[in-house]
Amino acid sequence: MGETWFPPRDRGEAEEGGRLSVSVAFDAGVAVVTIDRQDALNALDLPTLTELRDRLRELADDAGARVVVLTGAGEKAFAAGADIKYMSGLDVGEAKEWGALGHEAGRLLETMPKPTIAAVNGFALGGGCELALACDLRYAARTAKLGQPEINLGIIPGWGGTQRLARATTLGYAKELIFTGRVVDADEAERRGLVNAVFEPADLLAKTMEVATLLASKSLVALAAAKAACNRALQGGHAENLEAEVASFGKLFATEDAKEGMTAFVEKREPNFVGR
C-alpha cells in the first residue's frame, strides 16, 4: 500500500520535522487514516484531534475515497483516549469546545456518505473507543482492549460514548461499562456486539482491507443510501423510517448504478459501478 502524506498545515500542527500525527494513505479507493502518536499510545491532544477532524472533512468530500479505514500506528494502541494532561487544564467553556471537536470527528465518521471502518489494533479507551463506535464497522485485534473509563477521572464520555455504546450493544451493558469504567478484551467486545469480528494482530489490517476493498467495489450511491437508512434505524419513528426507506429505494432506480447492477445480474457478469 503506497503511503501518501498530506502537507502540514500552517497552524503549527505538524510534529517535529514536519511529520503530522495523522496520515492518510490510499489503496484502490480505500483511504487508511492512521493516528500516529506512538509515544503517547496515540492519545488525542488538540493538534492531533484537530488534524483528524480536518482529514475526515476532506475525505468526506473526496470521491476518490470510497471507503475510510481508521486505525492507530504501532501495535499497542488504536487511540488510548484523549490526552488527560491536556484535559486537566481545561475550564468549563474549554471543555465544552473540546467535547464539540470530538463530536465533530465522530459525526463525520458516522454520517459521511461512505463506509467507515475502525481497525482496533490495541487500546481503544475513552475518546478512542468513542471514535471506533462512530464508525460503521469495527474489527479488533485479539490483543485489543476497549472501554469508557472516564468515570475514574470524575467525568463521563464526552464524544458520543453515552449514546453510541448503547446503540452498538445494549443500554444495560453500556451503563455497566460507563458506570464502572471497566475495560474489556476483544473477545468480550465481540460477544457483546461492540466489534464485528476479532483477528490475530498480524492479520487485522489485511482482514480489514479485504472488507474495505469489497465495499469499495459496490455502488457509492447505494452505499450512501444504505448508510443513511441504517443510521435512522434507532432514531425517530418506525413508520417514518420505513417511509424514508422506500423513498430512497425508489430514487435509486434513476441511477446509472442501479441500471448497471440489474443489467449485470441478468447478463451474469460483474457490475461496473460508476457512482452515479
Protein backbone atom coordinates (compact mmCIF):
# COMPACT_ATOMS: atom_id res chain seq x y z
CA MET A 1 0.00 0.00 0.00
CA GLY A 2 1.58 3.26 -1.09
CA GLU A 3 1.59 5.84 1.70
CA THR A 4 0.66 9.44 0.94
CA TRP A 5 1.44 12.16 3.42
CA PHE A 6 -0.62 15.34 3.14
CA PRO A 7 1.35 18.59 3.51
CA PRO A 8 1.47 20.11 7.03
CA ARG A 9 -0.86 22.95 7.95
CA ASP A 10 0.33 26.46 8.74
CA ARG A 11 -1.26 26.23 12.20
CA GLY A 12 1.81 24.66 13.80
CA GLU A 13 0.07 21.28 13.99
CA ALA A 14 2.91 19.33 12.44
CA GLU A 15 5.21 17.44 14.72
CA GLU A 16 8.99 17.82 14.72
CA GLY A 17 10.40 17.54 11.23
CA GLY A 18 7.05 18.42 9.60
CA ARG A 19 5.58 14.96 10.09
CA LEU A 20 1.90 15.04 11.01
CA SER A 21 0.38 12.93 13.76
CA VAL A 22 -2.38 11.83 11.36
CA SER A 23 -1.55 10.29 7.99
CA VAL A 24 -3.74 9.24 5.07
CA ALA A 25 -2.78 6.53 2.59
CA PHE A 26 -4.80 5.43 -0.44
CA ASP A 27 -5.13 1.92 -1.81
CA ALA A 28 -7.67 1.04 -4.53
CA GLY A 29 -10.28 3.52 -3.36
CA VAL A 30 -9.71 2.85 0.35
CA ALA A 31 -8.35 5.71 2.47
CA VAL A 32 -6.46 4.46 5.53
CA VAL A 33 -6.31 7.14 8.24
CA THR A 34 -3.66 6.44 10.89
CA ILE A 35 -3.34 8.22 14.22
CA ASP A 36 0.37 8.32 14.98
CA ARG A 37 1.45 9.45 18.44
CA GLN A 38 3.01 6.18 19.48
CA ASP A 39 4.99 7.76 22.31
CA ALA A 40 1.62 8.62 23.92
CA LEU A 41 -0.25 5.44 22.87
CA ASN A 42 -1.87 7.52 20.12
CA ALA A 43 -3.70 9.64 22.69
CA LEU A 44 -5.54 12.57 21.17
CA ASP A 45 -4.28 16.02 22.04
CA LEU A 46 -5.63 19.21 20.48
CA PRO A 47 -3.38 19.27 17.38
CA THR A 48 -3.97 15.56 16.67
CA LEU A 49 -7.73 15.69 17.09
CA THR A 50 -7.95 18.86 15.01
CA GLU A 51 -5.87 17.26 12.27
CA LEU A 52 -8.02 14.13 12.38
CA ARG A 53 -11.18 16.22 12.09
CA ASP A 54 -9.76 18.11 9.13
CA ARG A 55 -8.66 14.93 7.32
CA LEU A 56 -12.09 13.40 7.81
CA ARG A 57 -13.70 16.53 6.39
CA GLU A 58 -11.53 16.24 3.30
CA LEU A 59 -12.21 12.54 2.86
CA ALA A 60 -15.97 13.01 3.27
CA ASP A 61 -15.93 15.13 0.10
CA ASP A 62 -13.26 13.14 -1.78
CA ALA A 63 -14.87 10.98 -4.46
CA GLY A 64 -11.63 9.02 -4.72
CA ALA A 65 -12.04 7.80 -1.15
CA ARG A 66 -14.77 5.21 -1.46
CA VAL A 67 -14.19 3.71 2.00
CA VAL A 68 -12.38 5.12 5.05
CA VAL A 69 -10.43 2.91 7.48
CA LEU A 70 -9.36 4.42 10.81
CA THR A 71 -6.54 2.82 12.81
CA GLY A 72 -3.61 3.60 15.09
CA ALA A 73 0.11 3.39 14.41
CA GLY A 74 2.10 0.61 16.03
CA GLU A 75 0.86 -2.49 17.82
CA LYS A 76 -0.13 -1.09 21.21
CA ALA A 77 -2.95 1.36 20.62
CA PHE A 78 -5.75 2.41 18.32
CA ALA A 79 -6.15 5.53 20.44
CA ALA A 80 -5.73 5.37 24.19
CA GLY A 81 -8.20 8.21 24.63
CA ALA A 82 -7.99 11.94 24.99
CA ASP A 83 -4.78 13.43 26.35
CA ILE A 84 -5.52 13.68 30.08
CA LYS A 85 -2.68 16.11 30.74
CA TYR A 86 -4.25 18.48 28.21
CA MET A 87 -7.76 18.00 29.60
CA SER A 88 -6.66 18.61 33.19
CA GLY A 89 -6.09 22.29 32.39
CA LEU A 90 -9.47 22.99 30.76
CA ASP A 91 -12.16 25.18 32.25
CA VAL A 92 -15.87 24.60 31.62
CA GLY A 93 -16.01 26.57 28.38
CA GLU A 94 -12.84 24.99 27.02
CA ALA A 95 -14.08 21.53 27.97
CA LYS A 96 -17.28 22.11 26.01
CA GLU A 97 -15.24 23.19 22.98
CA TRP A 98 -13.03 20.10 23.37
CA GLY A 99 -16.12 17.91 23.53
CA ALA A 100 -17.57 19.61 20.46
CA LEU A 101 -14.37 18.92 18.49
CA GLY A 102 -14.55 15.24 19.38
CA HIS A 103 -18.23 15.17 18.46
CA GLU A 104 -17.45 16.68 15.07
CA ALA A 105 -14.88 13.95 14.33
CA GLY A 106 -17.39 11.31 15.41
CA ARG A 107 -20.18 12.90 13.38
CA LEU A 108 -18.04 12.82 10.26
CA LEU A 109 -17.25 9.12 10.73
CA GLU A 110 -20.90 8.35 11.41
CA THR A 111 -22.53 10.41 8.66
CA MET A 112 -20.09 10.79 5.75
CA PRO A 113 -21.73 9.17 2.69
CA LYS A 114 -19.30 6.26 2.55
CA PRO A 115 -18.50 3.33 4.83
CA THR A 116 -16.11 3.92 7.72
CA ILE A 117 -14.29 1.04 9.41
CA ALA A 118 -12.27 1.02 12.64
CA ALA A 119 -9.31 -1.36 12.76
CA VAL A 120 -8.78 -1.50 16.52
CA ASN A 121 -5.18 -2.63 16.87
CA GLY A 122 -4.74 -2.11 20.62
CA PHE A 123 -6.07 0.15 23.35
CA ALA A 124 -9.29 1.95 22.37
CA LEU A 125 -10.20 3.74 25.55
CA GLY A 126 -12.30 6.80 26.24
CA GLY A 127 -12.24 9.01 23.17
CA GLY A 128 -10.55 6.23 21.20
CA CYS A 129 -13.44 3.88 21.89
CA GLU A 130 -15.88 6.66 21.01
CA LEU A 131 -14.24 7.21 17.61
CA ALA A 132 -14.42 3.47 16.93
CA LEU A 133 -18.09 3.47 17.91
CA ALA A 134 -18.75 6.25 15.41
CA CYS A 135 -17.52 4.02 12.57
CA ASP A 136 -19.93 1.80 10.65
CA LEU A 137 -17.90 -1.37 11.25
CA ARG A 138 -15.33 -2.30 13.89
CA TYR A 139 -12.71 -5.05 13.66
CA ALA A 140 -10.32 -5.72 16.54
CA ALA A 141 -7.00 -7.41 17.12
CA ARG A 142 -7.22 -10.19 19.69
CA THR A 143 -4.97 -8.09 21.93
CA ALA A 144 -7.25 -5.03 21.80
CA LYS A 145 -8.76 -3.50 24.94
CA LEU A 146 -11.84 -1.30 24.79
CA GLY A 147 -13.70 0.76 27.34
CA GLN A 148 -15.03 4.06 28.64
CA PRO A 149 -13.04 4.66 31.83
CA GLU A 150 -13.90 8.37 32.15
CA ILE A 151 -15.77 7.77 35.42
CA ASN A 152 -12.38 7.09 37.04
CA LEU A 153 -11.45 10.71 36.26
CA GLY A 154 -14.67 12.11 37.70
CA ILE A 155 -16.16 12.81 34.26
CA ILE A 156 -18.26 11.00 31.64
CA PRO A 157 -17.71 10.16 27.97
CA GLY A 158 -17.93 13.39 26.00
CA TRP A 159 -17.57 12.37 22.36
CA GLY A 160 -20.74 10.33 21.94
CA GLY A 161 -19.98 7.28 24.08
CA THR A 162 -23.11 7.51 26.24
CA GLN A 163 -25.24 7.29 23.09
CA ARG A 164 -23.35 5.11 20.61
CA LEU A 165 -22.25 2.40 23.06
CA ALA A 166 -25.88 1.71 23.96
CA ARG A 167 -26.83 1.56 20.30
CA ALA A 168 -23.98 -0.77 19.40
CA THR A 169 -24.68 -3.12 22.33
CA THR A 170 -27.47 -2.70 24.89
CA LEU A 171 -28.38 0.07 27.29
CA GLY A 172 -27.67 -2.14 30.30
CA TYR A 173 -24.23 -3.15 29.05
CA ALA A 174 -23.40 0.45 28.14
CA LYS A 175 -24.34 1.58 31.64
CA GLU A 176 -22.20 -1.16 33.17
CA LEU A 177 -19.10 -0.15 31.23
CA ILE A 178 -19.63 3.58 31.68
CA PHE A 179 -20.59 3.43 35.38
CA THR A 180 -17.73 1.09 36.34
CA GLY A 181 -15.07 2.22 33.87
CA ARG A 182 -14.35 -1.45 33.21
CA VAL A 183 -12.07 -2.24 30.27
CA VAL A 184 -12.97 -5.32 28.19
CA ASP A 185 -10.91 -7.57 25.97
CA ALA A 186 -11.59 -8.18 22.29
CA ASP A 187 -13.38 -11.49 22.80
CA GLU A 188 -15.92 -9.97 25.18
CA ALA A 189 -16.31 -6.99 22.87
CA GLU A 190 -17.18 -9.36 20.03
CA ARG A 191 -19.66 -11.34 22.15
CA ARG A 192 -21.46 -8.15 23.15
CA GLY A 193 -21.56 -6.64 19.65
CA LEU A 194 -19.05 -3.91 20.39
CA VAL A 195 -16.89 -5.17 17.50
CA ASN A 196 -17.89 -7.13 14.40
CA ALA A 197 -15.01 -9.60 14.41
CA VAL A 198 -11.67 -10.34 16.06
CA PHE A 199 -8.44 -11.26 14.26
CA GLU A 200 -4.88 -12.04 15.20
CA PRO A 201 -2.87 -8.79 15.44
CA ALA A 202 -0.74 -9.59 12.39
CA ASP A 203 -3.86 -10.19 10.32
CA LEU A 204 -6.03 -7.27 11.45
CA LEU A 205 -5.24 -4.68 8.81
CA ALA A 206 -5.20 -7.20 5.95
CA LYS A 207 -8.58 -8.62 7.02
CA THR A 208 -9.98 -5.11 7.43
CA MET A 209 -8.71 -4.16 4.00
CA GLU A 210 -10.42 -7.21 2.49
CA VAL A 211 -13.76 -5.90 3.72
CA ALA A 212 -12.93 -2.32 2.76
CA THR A 213 -11.90 -3.35 -0.77
CA LEU A 214 -15.11 -5.33 -1.15
CA LEU A 215 -17.17 -2.32 -0.10
CA ALA A 216 -15.19 -0.07 -2.44
CA SER A 217 -16.37 -2.24 -5.34
CA LYS A 218 -20.02 -1.50 -4.58
CA SER A 219 -22.17 1.37 -5.82
CA LEU A 220 -21.26 4.56 -3.99
CA VAL A 221 -24.75 5.97 -4.29
CA ALA A 222 -26.33 2.77 -3.00
CA LEU A 223 -23.86 2.59 -0.10
CA ALA A 224 -24.61 6.19 0.86
CA ALA A 225 -28.35 5.49 0.78
CA ALA A 226 -27.91 2.28 2.79
CA LYS A 227 -25.80 4.05 5.42
CA ALA A 228 -28.29 6.88 5.82
CA ALA A 229 -31.21 4.46 6.10
CA CYS A 230 -29.45 2.23 8.65
CA ASN A 231 -28.44 5.25 10.74
CA ARG A 232 -32.13 6.11 11.09
CA ALA A 233 -32.99 2.66 12.45
CA LEU A 234 -32.58 3.62 16.10
CA GLN A 235 -33.82 7.18 15.70
CA GLY A 236 -37.24 8.70 15.11
CA GLY A 237 -40.44 6.84 14.43
CA HIS A 238 -40.53 3.37 12.87
CA ALA A 239 -43.27 4.26 10.37
CA GLU A 240 -41.46 7.41 9.23
CA ASN A 241 -38.23 5.48 8.84
CA LEU A 242 -39.94 2.88 6.66
CA GLU A 243 -41.37 5.66 4.50
CA ALA A 244 -37.91 7.18 4.15
CA GLU A 245 -36.51 3.78 3.18
CA VAL A 246 -38.99 3.18 0.39
CA ALA A 247 -38.46 6.73 -0.89
CA SER A 248 -34.71 6.19 -1.03
CA PHE A 249 -35.21 2.76 -2.61
CA GLY A 250 -37.31 4.28 -5.37
CA LYS A 251 -34.90 7.14 -6.08
CA LEU A 252 -32.05 4.71 -6.69
CA PHE A 253 -33.87 3.34 -9.74
CA ALA A 254 -33.00 6.60 -11.51
CA THR A 255 -29.27 6.00 -11.07
CA GLU A 256 -26.82 4.59 -13.57
CA ASP A 257 -25.58 2.18 -10.93
CA ALA A 258 -28.99 0.59 -10.40
CA LYS A 259 -29.39 0.06 -14.13
CA GLU A 260 -25.88 -1.36 -14.38
CA GLY A 261 -26.30 -3.62 -11.34
CA MET A 262 -29.51 -5.22 -12.55
CA THR A 263 -28.31 -5.48 -16.13
CA ALA A 264 -25.11 -7.17 -14.97
CA PHE A 265 -27.11 -9.64 -12.90
CA VAL A 266 -29.29 -10.57 -15.88
CA GLU A 267 -26.21 -10.87 -18.10
CA LYS A 268 -24.39 -12.94 -15.45
CA ARG A 269 -21.38 -10.67 -15.18
CA GLU A 270 -19.80 -8.45 -12.54
CA PRO A 271 -21.22 -4.91 -12.43
CA ASN A 272 -19.12 -1.87 -13.19
CA PHE A 273 -20.44 0.82 -10.87
CA VAL A 274 -19.62 4.47 -11.59
CA GLY A 275 -21.09 6.12 -8.51
CA ARG A 276 -23.94 7.87 -10.29
